Amino acid sequence: MILDGVVPPLLVLLVAATLLAGRCLLWMTRVPDQGPPPPWTDLAIAVLVVAVTAALLLGMGRPLSYQHGPARLWSGDVQSDQNSQQLADPYTLTHVTHGVLLFWLTGFLGRLRTGTRVVLAIVLECAWEVFENSDLVIQRYRATTVSLGYYGDSVLNTVGDILAAVVGGLLAAWLPVWLVVVGVLLLEGILALWIRDNLTLNVLMLLRPIEAIRRWQLGGPG
């Protein structure tokens, strides 16, 4: 099986669907009158899905961590070869917004428990992570965005991104919508000023590149 394109995210979704369905079946069969499954089952499913994601990334040839030096908690230079290789970097903050948006998206699936919605948001984030690290998307990033030297994330960095998405999902679950919206807008503005990039610009340049924005991101005139 070739681990590229839509195959890895489909595998993540298949594993997650199997775990969720299995939990539902086992819990209803063994304790039919005890209410919904306990929170520890949400955590267990999330951990298993992240583990599958890490295994897929290794199978796709992504490194476990930074290959040219020690592993670190943070890398602040988005132009260095440590970007997307250490646990966290400025782009990790965009994944907080991922978590917020994905948690809200799960609201369209009906009246689900908060824990289930967070798990589903994590599953979708994991599916995106393996798709983002496919050769198909990496080449698209290199061709159309400011990430000229991008060659995929390390597994360590991916775990950091997923944890950031978990934070975003939990904030979306616990805080008022207006406060979360203000926080996301502030975060997007800070990133635009700091690294000349953010989630909005990243998606725009990935889908419909604008040369003036690309020149500005590279440090030249717009």
N, C-alpha and C. Protein backbone atom coordinates (compact mmCIF):
# COMPACT_ATOMS: atom_id res chain seq x y z
N MET A 1 0.84 -1.20 0.00
CA MET A 1 0.00 0.00 0.00
C MET A 1 0.88 1.25 0.00
N ILE A 2 0.58 2.20 -0.86
CA ILE A 2 1.32 3.44 -0.93
C ILE A 2 0.74 4.44 0.06
N LEU A 3 1.57 4.89 1.02
CA LEU A 3 1.10 5.84 2.02
C LEU A 3 1.28 7.25 1.51
N ASP A 4 0.38 7.68 0.65
CA ASP A 4 0.45 9.02 0.10
C ASP A 4 -0.97 9.46 -0.25
N GLY A 5 -1.12 10.77 -0.47
CA GLY A 5 -2.43 11.29 -0.87
C GLY A 5 -3.49 11.08 0.19
N VAL A 6 -4.64 10.58 -0.22
CA VAL A 6 -5.77 10.43 0.71
C VAL A 6 -5.72 9.12 1.50
N VAL A 7 -4.78 8.24 1.17
CA VAL A 7 -4.74 6.94 1.86
C VAL A 7 -4.47 7.10 3.36
N PRO A 8 -3.43 7.83 3.79
CA PRO A 8 -3.19 7.95 5.24
C PRO A 8 -4.36 8.54 6.02
N PRO A 9 -4.96 9.67 5.58
CA PRO A 9 -6.09 10.18 6.36
C PRO A 9 -7.28 9.23 6.39
N LEU A 10 -7.51 8.50 5.32
CA LEU A 10 -8.59 7.53 5.33
C LEU A 10 -8.32 6.41 6.34
N LEU A 11 -7.06 6.02 6.47
CA LEU A 11 -6.71 5.00 7.47
C LEU A 11 -6.95 5.51 8.89
N VAL A 12 -6.58 6.78 9.13
CA VAL A 12 -6.84 7.37 10.44
C VAL A 12 -8.33 7.37 10.75
N LEU A 13 -9.13 7.80 9.78
CA LEU A 13 -10.58 7.86 9.97
C LEU A 13 -11.17 6.46 10.18
N LEU A 14 -10.63 5.48 9.46
CA LEU A 14 -11.13 4.11 9.60
C LEU A 14 -10.82 3.56 10.99
N VAL A 15 -9.60 3.79 11.47
CA VAL A 15 -9.22 3.32 12.80
C VAL A 15 -10.11 3.99 13.86
N ALA A 16 -10.28 5.30 13.73
CA ALA A 16 -11.09 6.04 14.71
C ALA A 16 -12.53 5.56 14.70
N ALA A 17 -13.09 5.35 13.51
CA ALA A 17 -14.48 4.89 13.42
C ALA A 17 -14.62 3.51 14.06
N THR A 18 -13.62 2.65 13.85
CA THR A 18 -13.66 1.31 14.45
C THR A 18 -13.60 1.38 15.97
N LEU A 19 -12.73 2.24 16.50
CA LEU A 19 -12.61 2.38 17.95
C LEU A 19 -13.88 2.95 18.57
N LEU A 20 -14.44 3.97 17.93
CA LEU A 20 -15.66 4.59 18.46
C LEU A 20 -16.84 3.62 18.41
N ALA A 21 -16.96 2.92 17.29
CA ALA A 21 -18.05 1.96 17.16
C ALA A 21 -17.87 0.80 18.14
N GLY A 22 -16.62 0.36 18.30
CA GLY A 22 -16.35 -0.73 19.24
C GLY A 22 -16.67 -0.33 20.66
N ARG A 23 -16.30 0.89 21.03
CA ARG A 23 -16.62 1.37 22.37
C ARG A 23 -18.13 1.40 22.60
N CYS A 24 -18.84 1.94 21.63
CA CYS A 24 -20.29 2.04 21.75
C CYS A 24 -20.92 0.65 21.92
N LEU A 25 -20.46 -0.29 21.09
CA LEU A 25 -21.02 -1.65 21.13
C LEU A 25 -20.70 -2.34 22.45
N LEU A 26 -19.45 -2.26 22.89
CA LEU A 26 -19.05 -2.92 24.12
C LEU A 26 -19.72 -2.30 25.34
N TRP A 27 -19.79 -0.99 25.36
CA TRP A 27 -20.38 -0.32 26.53
C TRP A 27 -21.87 -0.60 26.63
N MET A 28 -22.56 -0.57 25.50
CA MET A 28 -24.00 -0.83 25.52
C MET A 28 -24.29 -2.29 25.86
N THR A 29 -23.39 -3.18 25.47
CA THR A 29 -23.60 -4.61 25.73
C THR A 29 -23.30 -4.97 27.17
N ARG A 30 -22.21 -4.42 27.71
CA ARG A 30 -21.75 -4.84 29.04
C ARG A 30 -22.41 -4.04 30.17
N VAL A 31 -22.63 -2.72 29.93
CA VAL A 31 -23.27 -1.90 30.96
C VAL A 31 -24.38 -1.06 30.34
N PRO A 32 -25.46 -1.69 29.93
CA PRO A 32 -26.51 -1.00 29.19
C PRO A 32 -27.23 0.08 29.98
N ASP A 33 -27.20 0.03 31.31
CA ASP A 33 -27.96 0.99 32.12
C ASP A 33 -27.07 1.98 32.87
N GLN A 34 -25.81 2.10 32.46
CA GLN A 34 -24.89 2.94 33.21
C GLN A 34 -24.64 4.30 32.55
N GLY A 35 -25.44 4.67 31.57
CA GLY A 35 -25.25 5.95 30.92
C GLY A 35 -24.13 5.93 29.91
N PRO A 36 -23.63 7.10 29.53
CA PRO A 36 -22.58 7.17 28.50
C PRO A 36 -21.26 6.60 29.00
N PRO A 37 -20.38 6.24 28.09
CA PRO A 37 -19.05 5.72 28.48
C PRO A 37 -18.31 6.75 29.32
N PRO A 38 -17.45 6.32 30.23
CA PRO A 38 -16.71 7.26 31.09
C PRO A 38 -15.67 8.05 30.29
N PRO A 39 -15.23 9.19 30.84
CA PRO A 39 -14.26 10.04 30.13
C PRO A 39 -12.95 9.35 29.78
N TRP A 40 -12.54 8.35 30.59
CA TRP A 40 -11.25 7.70 30.30
C TRP A 40 -11.28 7.00 28.95
N THR A 41 -12.46 6.61 28.48
CA THR A 41 -12.52 5.97 27.17
C THR A 41 -12.26 6.98 26.05
N ASP A 42 -12.68 8.24 26.26
CA ASP A 42 -12.35 9.28 25.28
C ASP A 42 -10.84 9.45 25.18
N LEU A 43 -10.20 9.53 26.36
CA LEU A 43 -8.75 9.69 26.39
C LEU A 43 -8.05 8.51 25.73
N ALA A 44 -8.53 7.30 26.01
CA ALA A 44 -7.90 6.10 25.43
C ALA A 44 -8.00 6.11 23.92
N ILE A 45 -9.16 6.46 23.39
CA ILE A 45 -9.33 6.49 21.93
C ILE A 45 -8.44 7.55 21.31
N ALA A 46 -8.38 8.73 21.96
CA ALA A 46 -7.54 9.81 21.43
C ALA A 46 -6.07 9.39 21.39
N VAL A 47 -5.59 8.76 22.46
CA VAL A 47 -4.19 8.32 22.52
C VAL A 47 -3.91 7.28 21.44
N LEU A 48 -4.82 6.35 21.24
CA LEU A 48 -4.63 5.32 20.22
C LEU A 48 -4.60 5.92 18.81
N VAL A 49 -5.47 6.89 18.56
CA VAL A 49 -5.49 7.53 17.24
C VAL A 49 -4.20 8.30 17.00
N VAL A 50 -3.71 8.99 18.02
CA VAL A 50 -2.44 9.72 17.88
C VAL A 50 -1.30 8.73 17.64
N ALA A 51 -1.33 7.59 18.32
CA ALA A 51 -0.29 6.57 18.12
C ALA A 51 -0.32 6.04 16.69
N VAL A 52 -1.51 5.80 16.16
CA VAL A 52 -1.65 5.35 14.77
C VAL A 52 -1.12 6.42 13.82
N THR A 53 -1.43 7.67 14.12
CA THR A 53 -0.93 8.78 13.29
C THR A 53 0.59 8.81 13.27
N ALA A 54 1.21 8.65 14.44
CA ALA A 54 2.67 8.64 14.52
C ALA A 54 3.25 7.47 13.72
N ALA A 55 2.63 6.31 13.83
CA ALA A 55 3.10 5.14 13.09
C ALA A 55 3.00 5.35 11.58
N LEU A 56 1.89 5.96 11.15
CA LEU A 56 1.73 6.25 9.72
C LEU A 56 2.79 7.23 9.23
N LEU A 57 3.08 8.25 10.03
CA LEU A 57 4.09 9.23 9.63
C LEU A 57 5.46 8.57 9.49
N LEU A 58 5.79 7.69 10.41
CA LEU A 58 7.05 6.96 10.30
C LEU A 58 7.07 6.10 9.04
N GLY A 59 5.93 5.47 8.75
CA GLY A 59 5.82 4.66 7.54
C GLY A 59 5.91 5.49 6.28
N MET A 60 5.55 6.78 6.37
CA MET A 60 5.64 7.69 5.23
C MET A 60 7.02 8.30 5.09
N GLY A 61 7.94 7.92 5.99
CA GLY A 61 9.32 8.40 5.89
C GLY A 61 9.61 9.67 6.65
N ARG A 62 8.69 10.12 7.50
CA ARG A 62 8.93 11.33 8.28
C ARG A 62 9.82 10.98 9.47
N PRO A 63 10.76 11.86 9.83
CA PRO A 63 11.67 11.57 10.94
C PRO A 63 10.96 11.64 12.29
N LEU A 64 11.52 10.94 13.25
CA LEU A 64 10.93 10.95 14.59
C LEU A 64 11.09 12.33 15.23
N SER A 65 12.25 12.95 15.03
CA SER A 65 12.52 14.28 15.58
C SER A 65 13.56 14.97 14.69
N TYR A 66 14.03 16.13 15.10
CA TYR A 66 15.03 16.87 14.34
C TYR A 66 16.27 16.01 14.14
N GLN A 67 16.75 15.96 12.90
CA GLN A 67 17.82 15.03 12.54
C GLN A 67 19.23 15.61 12.66
N HIS A 68 19.36 16.94 12.85
CA HIS A 68 20.68 17.55 12.79
C HIS A 68 21.08 18.21 14.10
N GLY A 69 20.51 17.73 15.18
CA GLY A 69 20.82 18.30 16.48
C GLY A 69 19.87 17.75 17.53
N PRO A 70 19.94 18.30 18.74
CA PRO A 70 19.08 17.79 19.81
C PRO A 70 17.62 18.18 19.61
N ALA A 71 16.75 17.37 20.15
CA ALA A 71 15.33 17.71 20.16
C ALA A 71 15.09 18.81 21.19
N ARG A 72 14.27 19.78 20.82
CA ARG A 72 13.98 20.91 21.70
C ARG A 72 12.47 21.10 21.82
N LEU A 73 12.07 21.82 22.86
CA LEU A 73 10.65 22.11 23.04
C LEU A 73 10.17 23.19 22.09
N TRP A 74 11.07 24.09 21.67
CA TRP A 74 10.64 25.25 20.89
C TRP A 74 11.69 25.64 19.86
N SER A 75 11.23 26.04 18.68
CA SER A 75 12.08 26.64 17.65
C SER A 75 11.35 27.87 17.13
N GLY A 76 11.91 29.05 17.34
CA GLY A 76 11.22 30.27 16.98
C GLY A 76 11.53 30.81 15.60
N ASP A 77 12.53 30.26 14.92
CA ASP A 77 12.93 30.76 13.60
C ASP A 77 12.25 29.93 12.51
N VAL A 78 11.24 30.51 11.86
CA VAL A 78 10.48 29.76 10.86
C VAL A 78 11.28 29.55 9.58
N GLN A 79 12.41 30.23 9.43
CA GLN A 79 13.23 30.05 8.24
C GLN A 79 14.34 29.02 8.44
N SER A 80 14.47 28.50 9.65
CA SER A 80 15.54 27.54 9.90
C SER A 80 15.07 26.13 9.57
N ASP A 81 16.04 25.20 9.52
CA ASP A 81 15.68 23.82 9.21
C ASP A 81 15.07 23.11 10.41
N GLN A 82 14.98 23.83 11.55
CA GLN A 82 14.32 23.24 12.72
C GLN A 82 12.82 23.51 12.74
N ASN A 83 12.38 24.40 11.86
CA ASN A 83 10.94 24.67 11.79
C ASN A 83 10.20 23.40 11.36
N SER A 84 9.12 23.09 12.03
CA SER A 84 8.32 21.88 11.79
C SER A 84 9.06 20.60 12.18
N GLN A 85 10.17 20.74 12.93
CA GLN A 85 10.92 19.56 13.36
C GLN A 85 10.99 19.42 14.87
N GLN A 86 10.97 20.54 15.59
CA GLN A 86 10.97 20.49 17.04
C GLN A 86 9.53 20.37 17.55
N LEU A 87 9.37 20.22 18.86
CA LEU A 87 8.03 20.00 19.41
C LEU A 87 7.06 21.11 19.02
N ALA A 88 7.52 22.36 19.13
CA ALA A 88 6.64 23.48 18.83
C ALA A 88 7.42 24.57 18.12
N ASP A 89 6.70 25.36 17.32
CA ASP A 89 7.22 26.52 16.63
C ASP A 89 6.05 27.47 16.42
N PRO A 90 6.28 28.65 15.83
CA PRO A 90 5.15 29.57 15.67
C PRO A 90 3.95 28.98 14.94
N TYR A 91 4.18 28.09 14.00
CA TYR A 91 3.06 27.49 13.27
C TYR A 91 2.22 26.57 14.16
N THR A 92 2.81 26.11 15.27
CA THR A 92 2.03 25.29 16.21
C THR A 92 0.81 26.05 16.70
N LEU A 93 0.96 27.38 16.83
CA LEU A 93 -0.15 28.19 17.32
C LEU A 93 -1.35 28.17 16.37
N THR A 94 -1.09 27.96 15.07
CA THR A 94 -2.22 27.88 14.13
C THR A 94 -3.08 26.65 14.41
N HIS A 95 -2.49 25.66 15.05
CA HIS A 95 -3.23 24.43 15.33
C HIS A 95 -4.18 24.59 16.52
N VAL A 96 -3.95 25.61 17.33
CA VAL A 96 -4.95 25.96 18.35
C VAL A 96 -6.24 26.36 17.64
N THR A 97 -6.09 27.15 16.59
CA THR A 97 -7.27 27.54 15.80
C THR A 97 -7.88 26.34 15.10
N HIS A 98 -7.04 25.42 14.63
CA HIS A 98 -7.56 24.16 14.07
C HIS A 98 -8.52 23.51 15.06
N GLY A 99 -8.05 23.38 16.30
CA GLY A 99 -8.86 22.71 17.31
C GLY A 99 -10.18 23.40 17.55
N VAL A 100 -10.15 24.73 17.59
CA VAL A 100 -11.40 25.50 17.77
C VAL A 100 -12.37 25.22 16.63
N LEU A 101 -11.88 25.36 15.40
CA LEU A 101 -12.75 25.18 14.23
C LEU A 101 -13.28 23.75 14.12
N LEU A 102 -12.41 22.79 14.39
CA LEU A 102 -12.84 21.39 14.28
C LEU A 102 -13.86 21.04 15.37
N PHE A 103 -13.67 21.58 16.58
CA PHE A 103 -14.66 21.34 17.64
C PHE A 103 -16.00 21.92 17.23
N TRP A 104 -15.99 23.14 16.71
CA TRP A 104 -17.26 23.74 16.24
C TRP A 104 -17.87 22.91 15.12
N LEU A 105 -17.02 22.39 14.22
CA LEU A 105 -17.52 21.58 13.11
C LEU A 105 -18.26 20.35 13.60
N THR A 106 -17.77 19.75 14.68
CA THR A 106 -18.43 18.55 15.19
C THR A 106 -19.83 18.84 15.73
N GLY A 107 -20.12 20.11 15.96
CA GLY A 107 -21.46 20.47 16.42
C GLY A 107 -22.53 20.20 15.38
N PHE A 108 -22.13 20.09 14.12
CA PHE A 108 -23.09 19.80 13.06
C PHE A 108 -23.46 18.31 12.99
N LEU A 109 -22.80 17.50 13.81
CA LEU A 109 -23.05 16.06 13.77
C LEU A 109 -24.17 15.63 14.72
N GLY A 110 -24.79 16.60 15.37
CA GLY A 110 -25.89 16.27 16.29
C GLY A 110 -25.49 16.53 17.72
N ARG A 111 -26.32 16.10 18.64
CA ARG A 111 -26.10 16.36 20.06
C ARG A 111 -25.17 15.29 20.64
N LEU A 112 -23.88 15.60 20.59
CA LEU A 112 -22.87 14.68 21.10
C LEU A 112 -22.31 15.20 22.42
N ARG A 113 -21.81 14.30 23.23
CA ARG A 113 -21.13 14.70 24.46
C ARG A 113 -19.90 15.54 24.12
N THR A 114 -19.56 16.44 25.04
CA THR A 114 -18.39 17.29 24.82
C THR A 114 -17.13 16.45 24.62
N GLY A 115 -16.98 15.39 25.42
CA GLY A 115 -15.81 14.54 25.28
C GLY A 115 -15.72 13.89 23.91
N THR A 116 -16.87 13.44 23.40
CA THR A 116 -16.89 12.83 22.07
C THR A 116 -16.54 13.85 21.01
N ARG A 117 -17.03 15.07 21.16
CA ARG A 117 -16.72 16.12 20.18
C ARG A 117 -15.23 16.45 20.18
N VAL A 118 -14.62 16.48 21.36
CA VAL A 118 -13.18 16.74 21.42
C VAL A 118 -12.41 15.60 20.75
N VAL A 119 -12.83 14.37 21.00
CA VAL A 119 -12.18 13.22 20.37
C VAL A 119 -12.31 13.31 18.85
N LEU A 120 -13.49 13.64 18.37
CA LEU A 120 -13.69 13.76 16.92
C LEU A 120 -12.83 14.87 16.33
N ALA A 121 -12.69 15.97 17.06
CA ALA A 121 -11.82 17.05 16.60
C ALA A 121 -10.37 16.58 16.52
N ILE A 122 -9.94 15.79 17.49
CA ILE A 122 -8.58 15.24 17.47
C ILE A 122 -8.40 14.30 16.28
N VAL A 123 -9.41 13.47 16.02
CA VAL A 123 -9.36 12.55 14.89
C VAL A 123 -9.20 13.32 13.58
N LEU A 124 -9.99 14.37 13.42
CA LEU A 124 -9.90 15.17 12.19
C LEU A 124 -8.55 15.86 12.07
N GLU A 125 -8.03 16.32 13.21
CA GLU A 125 -6.70 16.94 13.20
C GLU A 125 -5.64 15.92 12.80
N CYS A 126 -5.74 14.71 13.33
CA CYS A 126 -4.78 13.66 12.97
C CYS A 126 -4.87 13.31 11.49
N ALA A 127 -6.09 13.26 10.98
CA ALA A 127 -6.28 12.97 9.55
C ALA A 127 -5.63 14.06 8.71
N TRP A 128 -5.79 15.32 9.14
CA TRP A 128 -5.16 16.42 8.40
C TRP A 128 -3.63 16.31 8.48
N GLU A 129 -3.11 15.98 9.65
CA GLU A 129 -1.66 15.92 9.82
C GLU A 129 -1.02 14.92 8.87
N VAL A 130 -1.61 13.74 8.73
CA VAL A 130 -1.00 12.76 7.82
C VAL A 130 -1.19 13.17 6.36
N PHE A 131 -2.31 13.84 6.06
CA PHE A 131 -2.50 14.32 4.70
C PHE A 131 -1.52 15.44 4.38
N GLU A 132 -1.33 16.35 5.35
CA GLU A 132 -0.38 17.45 5.17
C GLU A 132 1.03 16.94 4.94
N ASN A 133 1.35 15.80 5.51
CA ASN A 133 2.70 15.25 5.38
C ASN A 133 2.84 14.26 4.24
N SER A 134 1.83 14.16 3.40
CA SER A 134 1.96 13.35 2.19
C SER A 134 2.79 14.11 1.16
N ASP A 135 3.45 13.39 0.29
CA ASP A 135 4.27 14.03 -0.74
C ASP A 135 3.43 14.97 -1.60
N LEU A 136 2.18 14.61 -1.83
CA LEU A 136 1.28 15.43 -2.63
C LEU A 136 1.15 16.83 -2.05
N VAL A 137 0.89 16.94 -0.77
CA VAL A 137 0.68 18.25 -0.13
C VAL A 137 2.01 18.97 0.10
N ILE A 138 3.05 18.23 0.45
CA ILE A 138 4.36 18.86 0.65
C ILE A 138 4.81 19.58 -0.61
N GLN A 139 4.67 18.94 -1.75
CA GLN A 139 5.06 19.57 -3.01
C GLN A 139 4.19 20.79 -3.31
N ARG A 140 2.93 20.74 -2.94
CA ARG A 140 2.04 21.89 -3.12
C ARG A 140 2.49 23.05 -2.24
N TYR A 141 2.83 22.76 -0.98
CA TYR A 141 3.34 23.80 -0.09
C TYR A 141 4.59 24.46 -0.67
N ARG A 142 5.51 23.65 -1.15
CA ARG A 142 6.77 24.18 -1.66
C ARG A 142 6.56 25.03 -2.91
N ALA A 143 5.55 24.68 -3.68
CA ALA A 143 5.33 25.37 -4.95
C ALA A 143 4.55 26.67 -4.80
N THR A 144 3.66 26.75 -3.80
CA THR A 144 2.73 27.88 -3.77
C THR A 144 2.79 28.75 -2.52
N THR A 145 3.43 28.29 -1.44
CA THR A 145 3.45 29.08 -0.22
C THR A 145 4.86 29.57 0.07
N VAL A 146 4.98 30.25 1.21
CA VAL A 146 6.28 30.77 1.62
C VAL A 146 7.19 29.65 2.13
N SER A 147 6.65 28.46 2.32
CA SER A 147 7.42 27.34 2.88
C SER A 147 8.25 26.66 1.80
N LEU A 148 9.24 27.39 1.28
CA LEU A 148 10.04 26.88 0.17
C LEU A 148 10.88 25.67 0.57
N GLY A 149 11.33 25.66 1.83
CA GLY A 149 12.18 24.57 2.28
C GLY A 149 11.43 23.50 3.05
N TYR A 150 10.10 23.52 2.97
CA TYR A 150 9.31 22.56 3.74
C TYR A 150 9.47 21.15 3.18
N TYR A 151 9.78 20.21 4.04
CA TYR A 151 9.92 18.82 3.60
C TYR A 151 9.17 17.88 4.54
N GLY A 152 8.14 18.41 5.19
CA GLY A 152 7.32 17.59 6.07
C GLY A 152 7.66 17.82 7.54
N ASP A 153 6.76 17.40 8.40
CA ASP A 153 6.94 17.54 9.84
C ASP A 153 7.62 16.31 10.42
N SER A 154 8.32 16.51 11.53
CA SER A 154 8.76 15.35 12.30
C SER A 154 7.56 14.82 13.09
N VAL A 155 7.69 13.59 13.56
CA VAL A 155 6.62 13.02 14.39
C VAL A 155 6.48 13.83 15.67
N LEU A 156 7.61 14.27 16.23
CA LEU A 156 7.58 15.09 17.44
C LEU A 156 6.78 16.37 17.21
N ASN A 157 7.04 17.04 16.10
CA ASN A 157 6.33 18.28 15.79
C ASN A 157 4.83 18.03 15.57
N THR A 158 4.52 16.92 14.93
CA THR A 158 3.12 16.58 14.71
C THR A 158 2.39 16.38 16.03
N VAL A 159 3.04 15.71 16.97
CA VAL A 159 2.43 15.53 18.29
C VAL A 159 2.20 16.89 18.95
N GLY A 160 3.16 17.79 18.81
CA GLY A 160 2.99 19.14 19.35
C GLY A 160 1.81 19.85 18.71
N ASP A 161 1.66 19.70 17.40
CA ASP A 161 0.53 20.32 16.69
C ASP A 161 -0.80 19.74 17.17
N ILE A 162 -0.83 18.44 17.38
CA ILE A 162 -2.07 17.80 17.84
C ILE A 162 -2.42 18.26 19.25
N LEU A 163 -1.40 18.38 20.11
CA LEU A 163 -1.65 18.88 21.47
C LEU A 163 -2.18 20.30 21.43
N ALA A 164 -1.66 21.12 20.52
CA ALA A 164 -2.18 22.49 20.37
C ALA A 164 -3.64 22.47 19.93
N ALA A 165 -3.98 21.55 19.03
CA ALA A 165 -5.37 21.42 18.60
C ALA A 165 -6.27 20.97 19.75
N VAL A 166 -5.74 20.11 20.62
CA VAL A 166 -6.50 19.69 21.81
C VAL A 166 -6.80 20.90 22.68
N VAL A 167 -5.80 21.76 22.87
CA VAL A 167 -6.00 22.98 23.65
C VAL A 167 -7.10 23.83 23.02
N GLY A 168 -7.05 23.99 21.70
CA GLY A 168 -8.07 24.77 21.01
C GLY A 168 -9.45 24.17 21.17
N GLY A 169 -9.55 22.84 21.06
CA GLY A 169 -10.83 22.18 21.21
C GLY A 169 -11.40 22.36 22.61
N LEU A 170 -10.54 22.25 23.63
CA LEU A 170 -11.00 22.41 25.01
C LEU A 170 -11.42 23.85 25.28
N LEU A 171 -10.68 24.81 24.74
CA LEU A 171 -11.07 26.21 24.91
C LEU A 171 -12.43 26.48 24.26
N ALA A 172 -12.63 25.90 23.08
CA ALA A 172 -13.92 26.07 22.40
C ALA A 172 -15.05 25.43 23.18
N ALA A 173 -14.74 24.36 23.91
CA ALA A 173 -15.77 23.66 24.70
C ALA A 173 -16.11 24.43 25.97
N TRP A 174 -15.14 25.10 26.56
CA TRP A 174 -15.32 25.68 27.89
C TRP A 174 -15.64 27.17 27.87
N LEU A 175 -15.14 27.91 26.88
CA LEU A 175 -15.28 29.37 26.90
C LEU A 175 -16.44 29.84 26.04
N PRO A 176 -16.95 31.04 26.32
CA PRO A 176 -18.00 31.62 25.47
C PRO A 176 -17.50 31.79 24.03
N VAL A 177 -18.42 31.63 23.09
CA VAL A 177 -18.04 31.71 21.68
C VAL A 177 -17.38 33.05 21.35
N TRP A 178 -17.95 34.14 21.86
CA TRP A 178 -17.41 35.46 21.52
C TRP A 178 -15.96 35.60 21.98
N LEU A 179 -15.65 35.05 23.15
CA LEU A 179 -14.29 35.15 23.67
C LEU A 179 -13.32 34.32 22.83
N VAL A 180 -13.76 33.15 22.39
CA VAL A 180 -12.92 32.31 21.54
C VAL A 180 -12.68 32.99 20.19
N VAL A 181 -13.71 33.61 19.63
CA VAL A 181 -13.56 34.31 18.35
C VAL A 181 -12.55 35.44 18.48
N VAL A 182 -12.65 36.22 19.55
CA VAL A 182 -11.70 37.31 19.78
C VAL A 182 -10.29 36.75 19.91
N GLY A 183 -10.14 35.65 20.63
CA GLY A 183 -8.83 35.04 20.80
C GLY A 183 -8.23 34.57 19.49
N VAL A 184 -9.05 33.95 18.64
CA VAL A 184 -8.58 33.48 17.34
C VAL A 184 -8.15 34.65 16.47
N LEU A 185 -8.94 35.71 16.44
CA LEU A 185 -8.59 36.89 15.64
C LEU A 185 -7.30 37.53 16.13
N LEU A 186 -7.12 37.61 17.45
CA LEU A 186 -5.88 38.15 17.99
C LEU A 186 -4.69 37.26 17.62
N LEU A 187 -4.87 35.97 17.71
CA LEU A 187 -3.80 35.04 17.37
C LEU A 187 -3.42 35.16 15.90
N GLU A 188 -4.40 35.26 15.03
CA GLU A 188 -4.12 35.43 13.60
C GLU A 188 -3.37 36.73 13.33
N GLY A 189 -3.78 37.80 14.03
CA GLY A 189 -3.10 39.09 13.85
C GLY A 189 -1.67 39.06 14.35
N ILE A 190 -1.45 38.45 15.51
CA ILE A 190 -0.10 38.36 16.07
C ILE A 190 0.81 37.58 15.15
N LEU A 191 0.33 36.46 14.62
CA LEU A 191 1.16 35.65 13.72
C LEU A 191 1.47 36.39 12.42
N ALA A 192 0.49 37.13 11.92
CA ALA A 192 0.72 37.90 10.69
C ALA A 192 1.83 38.92 10.88
N LEU A 193 1.84 39.58 12.03
CA LEU A 193 2.87 40.57 12.32
C LEU A 193 4.21 39.92 12.64
N TRP A 194 4.16 38.77 13.29
CA TRP A 194 5.38 38.10 13.77
C TRP A 194 6.09 37.34 12.66
N ILE A 195 5.40 36.48 11.95
CA ILE A 195 6.04 35.63 10.95
C ILE A 195 5.50 35.84 9.53
N ARG A 196 4.65 36.86 9.38
CA ARG A 196 4.03 37.15 8.08
C ARG A 196 3.24 35.96 7.54
N ASP A 197 2.66 35.22 8.42
CA ASP A 197 1.87 34.06 8.03
C ASP A 197 0.90 33.73 9.17
N ASN A 198 -0.16 33.06 8.84
CA ASN A 198 -1.11 32.57 9.84
C ASN A 198 -1.98 31.53 9.16
N LEU A 199 -2.98 31.03 9.86
CA LEU A 199 -3.81 29.97 9.27
C LEU A 199 -4.56 30.47 8.05
N THR A 200 -5.11 31.67 8.13
CA THR A 200 -5.87 32.21 7.00
C THR A 200 -5.00 32.33 5.76
N LEU A 201 -3.81 32.94 5.92
CA LEU A 201 -2.91 33.11 4.78
C LEU A 201 -2.40 31.75 4.28
N ASN A 202 -2.16 30.85 5.20
CA ASN A 202 -1.67 29.53 4.82
C ASN A 202 -2.66 28.81 3.92
N VAL A 203 -3.93 28.84 4.32
CA VAL A 203 -4.97 28.18 3.52
C VAL A 203 -5.15 28.89 2.18
N LEU A 204 -5.15 30.21 2.22
CA LEU A 204 -5.31 30.99 0.98
C LEU A 204 -4.20 30.68 -0.01
N MET A 205 -2.96 30.68 0.47
CA MET A 205 -1.83 30.46 -0.43
C MET A 205 -1.74 29.01 -0.90
N LEU A 206 -2.27 28.11 -0.11
CA LEU A 206 -2.28 26.70 -0.52
C LEU A 206 -3.29 26.45 -1.62
N LEU A 207 -4.46 27.11 -1.50
CA LEU A 207 -5.55 26.87 -2.45
C LEU A 207 -5.52 27.81 -3.65
N ARG A 208 -5.22 29.09 -3.39
CA ARG A 208 -5.24 30.08 -4.47
C ARG A 208 -4.12 31.09 -4.25
N PRO A 209 -2.91 30.74 -4.65
CA PRO A 209 -1.75 31.59 -4.37
C PRO A 209 -1.88 32.99 -4.99
N ILE A 210 -1.42 33.98 -4.23
CA ILE A 210 -1.39 35.36 -4.70
C ILE A 210 0.06 35.82 -4.63
N GLU A 211 0.62 36.19 -5.76
CA GLU A 211 2.05 36.49 -5.84
C GLU A 211 2.44 37.66 -4.95
N ALA A 212 1.57 38.68 -4.84
CA ALA A 212 1.89 39.84 -4.01
C ALA A 212 2.03 39.44 -2.55
N ILE A 213 1.17 38.56 -2.08
CA ILE A 213 1.27 38.08 -0.70
C ILE A 213 2.53 37.26 -0.52
N ARG A 214 2.85 36.45 -1.50
CA ARG A 214 4.06 35.61 -1.41
C ARG A 214 5.31 36.46 -1.32
N ARG A 215 5.38 37.56 -2.11
CA ARG A 215 6.54 38.45 -2.05
C ARG A 215 6.64 39.12 -0.69
N TRP A 216 5.48 39.53 -0.15
CA TRP A 216 5.46 40.16 1.17
C TRP A 216 5.93 39.18 2.24
N GLN A 217 5.49 37.94 2.15
CA GLN A 217 5.89 36.94 3.14
C GLN A 217 7.37 36.64 3.07
N LEU A 218 7.95 36.75 1.89
CA LEU A 218 9.38 36.51 1.72
C LEU A 218 10.22 37.71 2.11
N GLY A 219 9.55 38.83 2.49
CA GLY A 219 10.27 39.98 2.96
C GLY A 219 10.43 41.09 1.95
N GLY A 220 9.89 40.89 0.74
CA GLY A 220 9.99 41.92 -0.29
C GLY A 220 8.77 42.81 -0.28
N PRO A 221 8.73 43.80 -1.20
CA PRO A 221 7.56 44.67 -1.30
C PRO A 221 6.35 43.91 -1.80
N GLY A 222 5.16 44.33 -1.44
CA GLY A 222 3.94 43.66 -1.86
C GLY A 222 3.61 43.85 -3.32
